[in-house]
Amino acid sequence: MSMRTKLILATSSIALSALALTGCAAGAPAPAPAPSAGGAVQSGAVSNLTSSAAEPEIRAGVHGSEERVVFDFSKLPNASGLKVMKHELNETAPVWGGSGEPVEGMTGKAFLHVYVEIADQDRSTAGPEQFGQELAQSAVVNDNSHGTGELTIGLSEGVDYEVLVEGEKVIINLAQGSLGR
């Protein structure tokens, strides 16, 4: 083998190694946005692992003695068929579905996990978002794949809650005491 052939082969190997290393980092979740200061209602920075133009929205607000968190999938062009499968309140912090890595930026002592069925070929994720509310502290769409998704809310404490679906929105009402419904 000539010296020129060896040099071309070595250069090609280095270039392929660099491409492989770059490709491995392409699917990593975007870093969590910095928490915002104050404010009862926040919505904004949303991370998405795909290049889709539209992304899920996470909003929160206070309505009398109740708090509300809304996960809005209505602007996703390739999402449909939203249905709640189950929900549970526990102390297990959320993880990114594909990697099992903890979702950095989630705050709370308790976590409300809402599992949904949704056809979203873009597998969009959102958040985590930080809220300046007494109960709802943070929220994320942390595992949206294979026709299902996990929506998680970080809470300051255990709460009474209800989960509603309106079109392509999941609405969660929260209260320290009984919701009275």
N, C-alpha and C. Protein backbone atom coordinates (compact mmCIF):
# COMPACT_ATOMS: atom_id res chain seq x y z
N MET A 1 0.86 -1.15 0.00
CA MET A 1 0.00 0.00 0.00
C MET A 1 0.91 1.23 0.00
N SER A 2 0.62 2.16 -0.90
CA SER A 2 1.47 3.35 -1.01
C SER A 2 1.21 4.31 0.15
N MET A 3 2.16 5.21 0.36
CA MET A 3 2.03 6.20 1.42
C MET A 3 0.81 7.09 1.18
N ARG A 4 0.52 7.43 -0.07
CA ARG A 4 -0.64 8.28 -0.40
C ARG A 4 -1.94 7.56 -0.04
N THR A 5 -2.05 6.29 -0.32
CA THR A 5 -3.24 5.51 0.00
C THR A 5 -3.43 5.42 1.51
N LYS A 6 -2.34 5.22 2.25
CA LYS A 6 -2.42 5.16 3.72
C LYS A 6 -2.89 6.49 4.28
N LEU A 7 -2.40 7.60 3.73
CA LEU A 7 -2.79 8.93 4.19
C LEU A 7 -4.28 9.19 3.92
N ILE A 8 -4.76 8.80 2.73
CA ILE A 8 -6.19 8.97 2.40
C ILE A 8 -7.04 8.12 3.34
N LEU A 9 -6.64 6.90 3.59
CA LEU A 9 -7.38 6.01 4.48
C LEU A 9 -7.43 6.57 5.91
N ALA A 10 -6.32 7.08 6.41
CA ALA A 10 -6.28 7.66 7.76
C ALA A 10 -7.16 8.89 7.86
N THR A 11 -7.10 9.75 6.84
CA THR A 11 -7.93 10.97 6.83
C THR A 11 -9.41 10.61 6.78
N SER A 12 -9.77 9.61 5.99
CA SER A 12 -11.17 9.17 5.89
C SER A 12 -11.66 8.63 7.23
N SER A 13 -10.82 7.87 7.92
CA SER A 13 -11.20 7.32 9.23
C SER A 13 -11.45 8.42 10.24
N ILE A 14 -10.61 9.44 10.24
CA ILE A 14 -10.79 10.57 11.17
C ILE A 14 -12.09 11.30 10.86
N ALA A 15 -12.36 11.54 9.59
CA ALA A 15 -13.58 12.25 9.19
C ALA A 15 -14.82 11.45 9.59
N LEU A 16 -14.83 10.13 9.37
CA LEU A 16 -15.97 9.31 9.75
C LEU A 16 -16.16 9.28 11.26
N SER A 17 -15.08 9.25 12.02
CA SER A 17 -15.18 9.29 13.48
C SER A 17 -15.81 10.59 13.95
N ALA A 18 -15.41 11.70 13.35
CA ALA A 18 -15.97 13.01 13.72
C ALA A 18 -17.46 13.06 13.40
N LEU A 19 -17.87 12.51 12.26
CA LEU A 19 -19.28 12.49 11.89
C LEU A 19 -20.07 11.62 12.86
N ALA A 20 -19.52 10.49 13.24
CA ALA A 20 -20.22 9.59 14.17
C ALA A 20 -20.42 10.26 15.53
N LEU A 21 -19.38 10.94 16.02
CA LEU A 21 -19.51 11.62 17.31
C LEU A 21 -20.54 12.74 17.26
N THR A 22 -20.56 13.49 16.19
CA THR A 22 -21.54 14.57 16.03
C THR A 22 -22.95 14.01 15.96
N GLY A 23 -23.14 12.92 15.26
CA GLY A 23 -24.47 12.30 15.12
C GLY A 23 -25.01 11.77 16.42
N CYS A 24 -24.14 11.29 17.32
CA CYS A 24 -24.60 10.75 18.60
C CYS A 24 -25.23 11.82 19.48
N ALA A 25 -24.76 13.05 19.38
CA ALA A 25 -25.27 14.13 20.22
C ALA A 25 -26.53 14.76 19.65
N ALA A 26 -26.89 14.45 18.42
CA ALA A 26 -28.02 15.13 17.78
C ALA A 26 -29.35 14.84 18.43
N GLY A 27 -29.54 13.66 19.05
CA GLY A 27 -30.83 13.33 19.63
C GLY A 27 -30.97 13.67 21.11
N ALA A 28 -29.96 14.29 21.70
CA ALA A 28 -30.03 14.62 23.12
C ALA A 28 -31.04 15.73 23.36
N PRO A 29 -31.79 15.67 24.48
CA PRO A 29 -32.75 16.72 24.77
C PRO A 29 -32.05 18.06 24.97
N ALA A 30 -32.74 19.13 24.57
CA ALA A 30 -32.20 20.47 24.76
C ALA A 30 -32.12 20.78 26.24
N PRO A 31 -31.13 21.60 26.65
CA PRO A 31 -31.04 21.92 28.08
C PRO A 31 -32.28 22.65 28.55
N ALA A 32 -32.59 22.47 29.82
CA ALA A 32 -33.77 23.11 30.40
C ALA A 32 -33.61 24.61 30.41
N PRO A 33 -34.69 25.35 30.12
CA PRO A 33 -34.60 26.80 30.18
C PRO A 33 -34.48 27.25 31.63
N ALA A 34 -33.85 28.40 31.82
CA ALA A 34 -33.70 28.95 33.17
C ALA A 34 -35.06 29.36 33.71
N PRO A 35 -35.31 29.13 35.00
CA PRO A 35 -36.59 29.52 35.58
C PRO A 35 -36.81 31.03 35.45
N SER A 36 -38.06 31.41 35.23
CA SER A 36 -38.42 32.81 35.14
C SER A 36 -38.67 33.36 36.52
N ALA A 37 -38.53 34.65 36.66
CA ALA A 37 -38.79 35.28 37.96
C ALA A 37 -40.24 35.68 38.06
N GLY A 38 -40.92 35.21 39.13
CA GLY A 38 -42.28 35.64 39.45
C GLY A 38 -43.30 35.31 38.39
N GLY A 39 -44.50 35.88 38.54
CA GLY A 39 -45.56 35.70 37.56
C GLY A 39 -46.39 34.48 37.85
N ALA A 40 -47.70 34.63 37.81
CA ALA A 40 -48.59 33.51 38.08
C ALA A 40 -48.82 32.66 36.85
N VAL A 41 -48.72 33.25 35.67
CA VAL A 41 -48.97 32.50 34.45
C VAL A 41 -47.73 32.57 33.60
N GLN A 42 -47.23 31.41 33.20
CA GLN A 42 -46.04 31.37 32.38
C GLN A 42 -46.27 30.40 31.24
N SER A 43 -45.77 30.75 30.09
CA SER A 43 -45.71 29.84 28.96
C SER A 43 -44.63 30.37 28.08
N GLY A 44 -43.90 29.50 27.46
CA GLY A 44 -42.83 30.04 26.64
C GLY A 44 -41.92 28.99 26.10
N ALA A 45 -40.64 29.05 26.45
CA ALA A 45 -39.62 28.22 25.85
C ALA A 45 -40.03 26.76 25.85
N VAL A 46 -40.05 26.19 24.68
CA VAL A 46 -40.44 24.80 24.53
C VAL A 46 -39.34 24.10 23.74
N SER A 47 -38.88 22.98 24.25
CA SER A 47 -37.89 22.23 23.49
C SER A 47 -38.60 21.15 22.70
N ASN A 48 -38.05 20.83 21.55
CA ASN A 48 -38.65 19.85 20.67
C ASN A 48 -37.52 19.11 19.99
N LEU A 49 -37.53 17.80 20.02
CA LEU A 49 -36.45 17.02 19.45
C LEU A 49 -36.52 16.94 17.93
N THR A 50 -37.56 17.45 17.33
CA THR A 50 -37.69 17.40 15.88
C THR A 50 -37.70 18.81 15.34
N SER A 51 -37.78 18.93 14.03
CA SER A 51 -37.75 20.25 13.41
C SER A 51 -39.15 20.73 13.05
N SER A 52 -40.15 20.19 13.65
CA SER A 52 -41.52 20.60 13.38
C SER A 52 -41.71 22.07 13.73
N ALA A 53 -42.53 22.78 12.94
CA ALA A 53 -42.74 24.21 13.14
C ALA A 53 -43.55 24.48 14.40
N ALA A 54 -44.49 23.63 14.72
CA ALA A 54 -45.35 23.85 15.89
C ALA A 54 -44.91 22.94 17.02
N GLU A 55 -45.14 23.40 18.26
CA GLU A 55 -44.73 22.65 19.43
C GLU A 55 -45.85 22.65 20.46
N PRO A 56 -45.89 21.65 21.36
CA PRO A 56 -46.89 21.68 22.43
C PRO A 56 -46.68 22.90 23.32
N GLU A 57 -47.75 23.38 23.90
CA GLU A 57 -47.66 24.50 24.85
C GLU A 57 -48.03 24.01 26.24
N ILE A 58 -47.37 24.57 27.25
CA ILE A 58 -47.71 24.30 28.64
C ILE A 58 -48.01 25.66 29.28
N ARG A 59 -49.23 25.78 29.84
CA ARG A 59 -49.63 27.03 30.49
C ARG A 59 -50.13 26.72 31.89
N ALA A 60 -50.07 27.73 32.77
CA ALA A 60 -50.60 27.56 34.12
C ALA A 60 -51.22 28.87 34.58
N GLY A 61 -52.20 28.76 35.46
CA GLY A 61 -52.84 29.94 36.00
C GLY A 61 -53.58 29.62 37.28
N VAL A 62 -54.10 30.67 37.90
CA VAL A 62 -54.86 30.54 39.14
C VAL A 62 -56.29 30.97 38.87
N HIS A 63 -57.24 30.16 39.32
CA HIS A 63 -58.67 30.45 39.16
C HIS A 63 -59.33 30.31 40.52
N GLY A 64 -59.48 31.44 41.24
CA GLY A 64 -60.05 31.39 42.59
C GLY A 64 -59.11 30.65 43.52
N SER A 65 -59.60 29.60 44.17
CA SER A 65 -58.77 28.82 45.09
C SER A 65 -58.12 27.62 44.40
N GLU A 66 -58.31 27.51 43.09
CA GLU A 66 -57.74 26.40 42.33
C GLU A 66 -56.64 26.88 41.40
N GLU A 67 -55.74 25.98 41.10
CA GLU A 67 -54.72 26.23 40.09
C GLU A 67 -55.01 25.33 38.90
N ARG A 68 -54.56 25.74 37.73
CA ARG A 68 -54.81 24.97 36.52
C ARG A 68 -53.53 24.92 35.70
N VAL A 69 -53.25 23.72 35.16
CA VAL A 69 -52.15 23.54 34.20
C VAL A 69 -52.78 22.96 32.94
N VAL A 70 -52.41 23.54 31.78
CA VAL A 70 -52.94 23.09 30.50
C VAL A 70 -51.79 22.65 29.61
N PHE A 71 -51.92 21.44 29.07
CA PHE A 71 -51.01 20.91 28.06
C PHE A 71 -51.77 20.99 26.74
N ASP A 72 -51.32 21.83 25.83
CA ASP A 72 -52.05 22.12 24.60
C ASP A 72 -51.32 21.56 23.39
N PHE A 73 -51.92 20.54 22.76
CA PHE A 73 -51.35 19.91 21.57
C PHE A 73 -52.05 20.38 20.29
N SER A 74 -52.95 21.35 20.39
CA SER A 74 -53.80 21.74 19.26
C SER A 74 -53.04 22.36 18.09
N LYS A 75 -51.85 22.88 18.31
CA LYS A 75 -51.10 23.51 17.22
C LYS A 75 -50.13 22.56 16.53
N LEU A 76 -50.11 21.31 16.95
CA LEU A 76 -49.24 20.33 16.31
C LEU A 76 -49.95 19.79 15.07
N PRO A 77 -49.37 19.98 13.89
CA PRO A 77 -50.06 19.56 12.67
C PRO A 77 -50.21 18.05 12.53
N ASN A 78 -49.33 17.28 13.17
CA ASN A 78 -49.36 15.82 13.00
C ASN A 78 -49.82 15.09 14.24
N ALA A 79 -50.51 15.78 15.16
CA ALA A 79 -50.99 15.14 16.38
C ALA A 79 -52.50 15.04 16.36
N SER A 80 -53.01 13.90 16.81
CA SER A 80 -54.47 13.73 16.86
C SER A 80 -54.82 12.61 17.83
N GLY A 81 -56.11 12.52 18.16
CA GLY A 81 -56.61 11.41 18.97
C GLY A 81 -56.17 11.44 20.41
N LEU A 82 -56.17 12.58 21.05
CA LEU A 82 -55.73 12.70 22.44
C LEU A 82 -56.73 12.03 23.38
N LYS A 83 -56.22 11.14 24.24
CA LYS A 83 -57.05 10.42 25.19
C LYS A 83 -56.22 10.12 26.44
N VAL A 84 -56.78 10.40 27.62
CA VAL A 84 -56.08 10.08 28.87
C VAL A 84 -56.21 8.59 29.14
N MET A 85 -55.07 7.94 29.39
CA MET A 85 -55.06 6.51 29.70
C MET A 85 -55.11 6.29 31.22
N LYS A 86 -54.26 7.00 31.97
CA LYS A 86 -54.24 6.89 33.43
C LYS A 86 -53.46 8.07 34.00
N HIS A 87 -53.57 8.25 35.32
CA HIS A 87 -52.79 9.29 36.01
C HIS A 87 -52.51 8.82 37.41
N GLU A 88 -51.39 9.32 37.96
CA GLU A 88 -51.01 8.95 39.31
C GLU A 88 -50.19 10.06 39.95
N LEU A 89 -50.36 10.21 41.25
CA LEU A 89 -49.64 11.19 42.04
C LEU A 89 -48.67 10.43 42.94
N ASN A 90 -47.37 10.75 42.83
CA ASN A 90 -46.37 10.07 43.65
C ASN A 90 -45.16 10.98 43.84
N GLU A 91 -44.09 10.45 44.36
CA GLU A 91 -42.87 11.23 44.60
C GLU A 91 -41.78 10.91 43.59
N THR A 92 -42.13 10.26 42.49
CA THR A 92 -41.16 9.87 41.47
C THR A 92 -40.97 10.99 40.46
N ALA A 93 -39.77 11.56 40.42
CA ALA A 93 -39.46 12.63 39.47
C ALA A 93 -39.43 12.07 38.05
N PRO A 94 -39.79 12.89 37.06
CA PRO A 94 -39.84 12.40 35.68
C PRO A 94 -38.46 12.19 35.06
N VAL A 95 -38.42 11.30 34.07
CA VAL A 95 -37.21 11.03 33.30
C VAL A 95 -37.53 11.15 31.82
N TRP A 96 -36.51 11.44 30.99
CA TRP A 96 -36.70 11.47 29.55
C TRP A 96 -36.90 10.04 29.09
N GLY A 97 -37.95 9.79 28.34
CA GLY A 97 -38.34 8.44 27.95
C GLY A 97 -37.29 7.62 27.25
N GLY A 98 -36.61 8.18 26.26
CA GLY A 98 -35.65 7.40 25.49
C GLY A 98 -34.40 7.05 26.26
N SER A 99 -33.92 7.97 27.10
CA SER A 99 -32.64 7.76 27.77
C SER A 99 -32.76 7.36 29.23
N GLY A 100 -33.89 7.66 29.87
CA GLY A 100 -34.03 7.40 31.29
C GLY A 100 -33.30 8.42 32.14
N GLU A 101 -32.76 9.47 31.54
CA GLU A 101 -32.08 10.53 32.27
C GLU A 101 -33.09 11.41 32.98
N PRO A 102 -32.78 11.90 34.19
CA PRO A 102 -33.70 12.79 34.91
C PRO A 102 -33.99 14.05 34.10
N VAL A 103 -35.21 14.57 34.21
CA VAL A 103 -35.57 15.83 33.56
C VAL A 103 -35.04 16.95 34.46
N GLU A 104 -33.95 17.59 34.04
CA GLU A 104 -33.36 18.68 34.81
C GLU A 104 -34.29 19.88 34.76
N GLY A 105 -34.43 20.59 35.86
CA GLY A 105 -35.26 21.78 35.90
C GLY A 105 -36.65 21.54 36.45
N MET A 106 -36.98 20.30 36.77
CA MET A 106 -38.29 20.01 37.38
C MET A 106 -38.16 20.22 38.89
N THR A 107 -39.12 20.93 39.46
CA THR A 107 -39.13 21.15 40.90
C THR A 107 -40.42 20.61 41.48
N GLY A 108 -40.37 20.21 42.73
CA GLY A 108 -41.55 19.70 43.40
C GLY A 108 -41.21 18.58 44.37
N LYS A 109 -42.10 18.40 45.35
CA LYS A 109 -41.98 17.30 46.30
C LYS A 109 -42.83 16.11 45.88
N ALA A 110 -43.88 16.40 45.12
CA ALA A 110 -44.77 15.37 44.57
C ALA A 110 -44.88 15.61 43.08
N PHE A 111 -45.21 14.55 42.33
CA PHE A 111 -45.31 14.67 40.88
C PHE A 111 -46.59 13.99 40.40
N LEU A 112 -47.35 14.72 39.61
CA LEU A 112 -48.56 14.18 38.99
C LEU A 112 -48.18 13.76 37.58
N HIS A 113 -48.28 12.46 37.32
CA HIS A 113 -47.95 11.89 36.00
C HIS A 113 -49.26 11.57 35.30
N VAL A 114 -49.46 12.14 34.12
CA VAL A 114 -50.66 11.88 33.32
C VAL A 114 -50.19 11.20 32.04
N TYR A 115 -50.68 9.99 31.82
CA TYR A 115 -50.30 9.22 30.64
C TYR A 115 -51.42 9.33 29.61
N VAL A 116 -51.05 9.73 28.39
CA VAL A 116 -52.03 9.96 27.34
C VAL A 116 -51.71 9.13 26.11
N GLU A 117 -52.74 8.90 25.35
CA GLU A 117 -52.60 8.30 24.04
C GLU A 117 -52.72 9.44 23.06
N ILE A 118 -51.74 9.60 22.16
CA ILE A 118 -51.78 10.67 21.18
C ILE A 118 -50.96 10.24 19.96
N ALA A 119 -51.55 10.43 18.81
CA ALA A 119 -50.83 10.15 17.57
C ALA A 119 -50.06 11.41 17.21
N ASP A 120 -48.75 11.38 17.40
CA ASP A 120 -47.88 12.51 17.09
C ASP A 120 -46.61 11.96 16.45
N GLN A 121 -46.60 11.94 15.13
CA GLN A 121 -45.46 11.35 14.44
C GLN A 121 -44.17 12.14 14.66
N ASP A 122 -44.26 13.39 15.10
CA ASP A 122 -43.07 14.19 15.36
C ASP A 122 -42.48 13.93 16.75
N ARG A 123 -43.22 13.22 17.62
CA ARG A 123 -42.77 12.89 18.98
C ARG A 123 -42.28 14.14 19.72
N SER A 124 -43.11 15.15 19.76
CA SER A 124 -42.76 16.44 20.34
C SER A 124 -42.69 16.38 21.85
N THR A 125 -41.69 17.07 22.42
CA THR A 125 -41.59 17.23 23.86
C THR A 125 -41.67 18.72 24.16
N ALA A 126 -41.93 19.06 25.41
CA ALA A 126 -42.01 20.47 25.79
C ALA A 126 -41.54 20.65 27.21
N GLY A 127 -40.87 21.75 27.46
CA GLY A 127 -40.47 22.11 28.81
C GLY A 127 -39.14 21.53 29.19
N PRO A 128 -38.84 21.54 30.46
CA PRO A 128 -39.75 21.87 31.55
C PRO A 128 -40.00 23.38 31.66
N GLU A 129 -41.21 23.69 32.09
CA GLU A 129 -41.63 25.06 32.36
C GLU A 129 -41.67 25.26 33.87
N GLN A 130 -41.33 26.44 34.33
CA GLN A 130 -41.39 26.78 35.75
C GLN A 130 -42.56 27.74 35.97
N PHE A 131 -43.30 27.57 37.08
CA PHE A 131 -44.44 28.42 37.39
C PHE A 131 -44.24 29.05 38.76
N GLY A 132 -44.72 30.28 38.91
CA GLY A 132 -44.65 30.96 40.20
C GLY A 132 -45.94 30.78 40.98
N GLN A 133 -46.41 29.56 41.09
CA GLN A 133 -47.67 29.27 41.77
C GLN A 133 -47.41 28.53 43.07
N GLU A 134 -48.39 28.52 43.94
CA GLU A 134 -48.25 27.87 45.24
C GLU A 134 -48.15 26.35 45.11
N LEU A 135 -49.00 25.74 44.27
CA LEU A 135 -49.02 24.28 44.13
C LEU A 135 -48.20 23.80 42.94
N ALA A 136 -48.58 24.24 41.74
CA ALA A 136 -47.90 23.80 40.51
C ALA A 136 -46.60 24.57 40.36
N GLN A 137 -45.48 23.86 40.46
CA GLN A 137 -44.18 24.50 40.37
C GLN A 137 -43.52 24.36 39.01
N SER A 138 -43.77 23.24 38.33
CA SER A 138 -43.13 22.99 37.04
C SER A 138 -43.94 21.95 36.26
N ALA A 139 -43.67 21.86 34.96
CA ALA A 139 -44.37 20.87 34.13
C ALA A 139 -43.54 20.55 32.90
N VAL A 140 -43.76 19.34 32.35
CA VAL A 140 -43.00 18.89 31.19
C VAL A 140 -43.82 17.85 30.41
N VAL A 141 -43.66 17.82 29.08
CA VAL A 141 -44.09 16.70 28.25
C VAL A 141 -42.80 15.93 28.03
N ASN A 142 -42.59 14.85 28.80
CA ASN A 142 -41.28 14.23 28.86
C ASN A 142 -41.14 12.90 28.13
N ASP A 143 -42.19 12.32 27.68
CA ASP A 143 -42.05 11.04 26.97
C ASP A 143 -43.19 10.93 25.98
N ASN A 144 -42.94 11.32 24.75
CA ASN A 144 -43.96 11.29 23.72
C ASN A 144 -43.44 10.41 22.58
N SER A 145 -43.77 9.13 22.65
CA SER A 145 -43.29 8.22 21.62
C SER A 145 -44.23 7.04 21.49
N HIS A 146 -44.22 6.44 20.33
CA HIS A 146 -44.98 5.22 20.06
C HIS A 146 -46.47 5.36 20.38
N GLY A 147 -47.03 6.55 20.13
CA GLY A 147 -48.46 6.75 20.32
C GLY A 147 -48.89 7.08 21.72
N THR A 148 -47.93 7.20 22.64
CA THR A 148 -48.28 7.58 24.01
C THR A 148 -47.39 8.74 24.46
N GLY A 149 -47.83 9.42 25.51
CA GLY A 149 -47.05 10.52 26.05
C GLY A 149 -47.21 10.57 27.55
N GLU A 150 -46.22 11.16 28.22
CA GLU A 150 -46.30 11.38 29.66
C GLU A 150 -46.20 12.87 29.92
N LEU A 151 -47.18 13.40 30.64
CA LEU A 151 -47.22 14.80 31.02
C LEU A 151 -47.00 14.81 32.53
N THR A 152 -46.04 15.58 33.01
CA THR A 152 -45.73 15.56 34.44
C THR A 152 -45.78 16.98 35.00
N ILE A 153 -46.40 17.11 36.18
CA ILE A 153 -46.46 18.38 36.89
C ILE A 153 -45.74 18.20 38.22
N GLY A 154 -44.78 19.08 38.52
CA GLY A 154 -44.10 19.09 39.80
C GLY A 154 -44.90 19.94 40.78
N LEU A 155 -45.23 19.38 41.93
CA LEU A 155 -46.10 20.03 42.91
C LEU A 155 -45.37 20.28 44.22
N SER A 156 -45.79 21.31 44.94
CA SER A 156 -45.20 21.61 46.25
C SER A 156 -45.64 20.60 47.30
N GLU A 157 -46.77 19.93 47.07
CA GLU A 157 -47.33 18.96 48.01
C GLU A 157 -48.37 18.12 47.29
N GLY A 158 -48.85 17.07 47.96
CA GLY A 158 -49.95 16.29 47.39
C GLY A 158 -51.19 17.16 47.29
N VAL A 159 -52.01 16.94 46.30
CA VAL A 159 -53.19 17.79 46.05
C VAL A 159 -54.38 16.94 45.66
N ASP A 160 -55.56 17.55 45.68
CA ASP A 160 -56.74 16.98 45.05
C ASP A 160 -56.70 17.50 43.61
N TYR A 161 -57.01 16.67 42.64
CA TYR A 161 -56.92 17.10 41.26
C TYR A 161 -57.96 16.41 40.40
N GLU A 162 -58.20 17.01 39.23
CA GLU A 162 -59.02 16.36 38.21
C GLU A 162 -58.33 16.57 36.87
N VAL A 163 -58.48 15.58 35.99
CA VAL A 163 -57.88 15.62 34.67
C VAL A 163 -59.00 15.62 33.65
N LEU A 164 -59.01 16.64 32.78
CA LEU A 164 -60.04 16.78 31.75
C LEU A 164 -59.38 16.84 30.38
N VAL A 165 -60.11 16.41 29.35
CA VAL A 165 -59.64 16.55 27.97
C VAL A 165 -60.67 17.38 27.22
N GLU A 166 -60.19 18.44 26.59
CA GLU A 166 -61.03 19.27 25.72
C GLU A 166 -60.34 19.35 24.38
N GLY A 167 -60.84 18.62 23.40
CA GLY A 167 -60.19 18.59 22.08
C GLY A 167 -58.80 18.04 22.19
N GLU A 168 -57.81 18.86 21.84
CA GLU A 168 -56.40 18.45 21.88
C GLU A 168 -55.68 19.07 23.08
N LYS A 169 -56.43 19.34 24.16
CA LYS A 169 -55.85 19.91 25.38
C LYS A 169 -56.13 19.00 26.57
N VAL A 170 -55.12 18.85 27.43
CA VAL A 170 -55.30 18.17 28.71
C VAL A 170 -55.28 19.27 29.76
N ILE A 171 -56.36 19.35 30.54
CA ILE A 171 -56.52 20.39 31.55
C ILE A 171 -56.52 19.72 32.92
N ILE A 172 -55.63 20.19 33.80
CA ILE A 172 -55.56 19.64 35.15
C ILE A 172 -55.87 20.74 36.14
N ASN A 173 -56.94 20.54 36.92
CA ASN A 173 -57.32 21.46 37.98
C ASN A 173 -56.78 20.91 39.29
N LEU A 174 -56.20 21.78 40.12
CA LEU A 174 -55.53 21.38 41.36
C LEU A 174 -56.03 22.21 42.53
N ALA A 175 -56.12 21.60 43.72
CA ALA A 175 -56.51 22.33 44.93
C ALA A 175 -55.84 21.71 46.14
N GLN A 176 -55.54 22.54 47.15
CA GLN A 176 -54.95 22.01 48.39
C GLN A 176 -55.96 21.16 49.12
N GLY A 177 -57.19 21.62 49.20
CA GLY A 177 -58.26 20.84 49.82
C GLY A 177 -59.05 20.13 48.75
N SER A 178 -60.29 19.88 49.03
CA SER A 178 -61.15 19.20 48.06
C SER A 178 -61.54 20.15 46.94
N LEU A 179 -61.59 19.64 45.72
CA LEU A 179 -62.06 20.43 44.58
C LEU A 179 -63.55 20.70 44.69
N GLY A 180 -64.26 19.92 45.47
CA GLY A 180 -65.68 20.13 45.68
C GLY A 180 -66.56 19.79 44.49
N ARG A 181 -66.13 18.85 43.71
CA ARG A 181 -66.91 18.44 42.54
C ARG A 181 -67.58 17.12 42.80
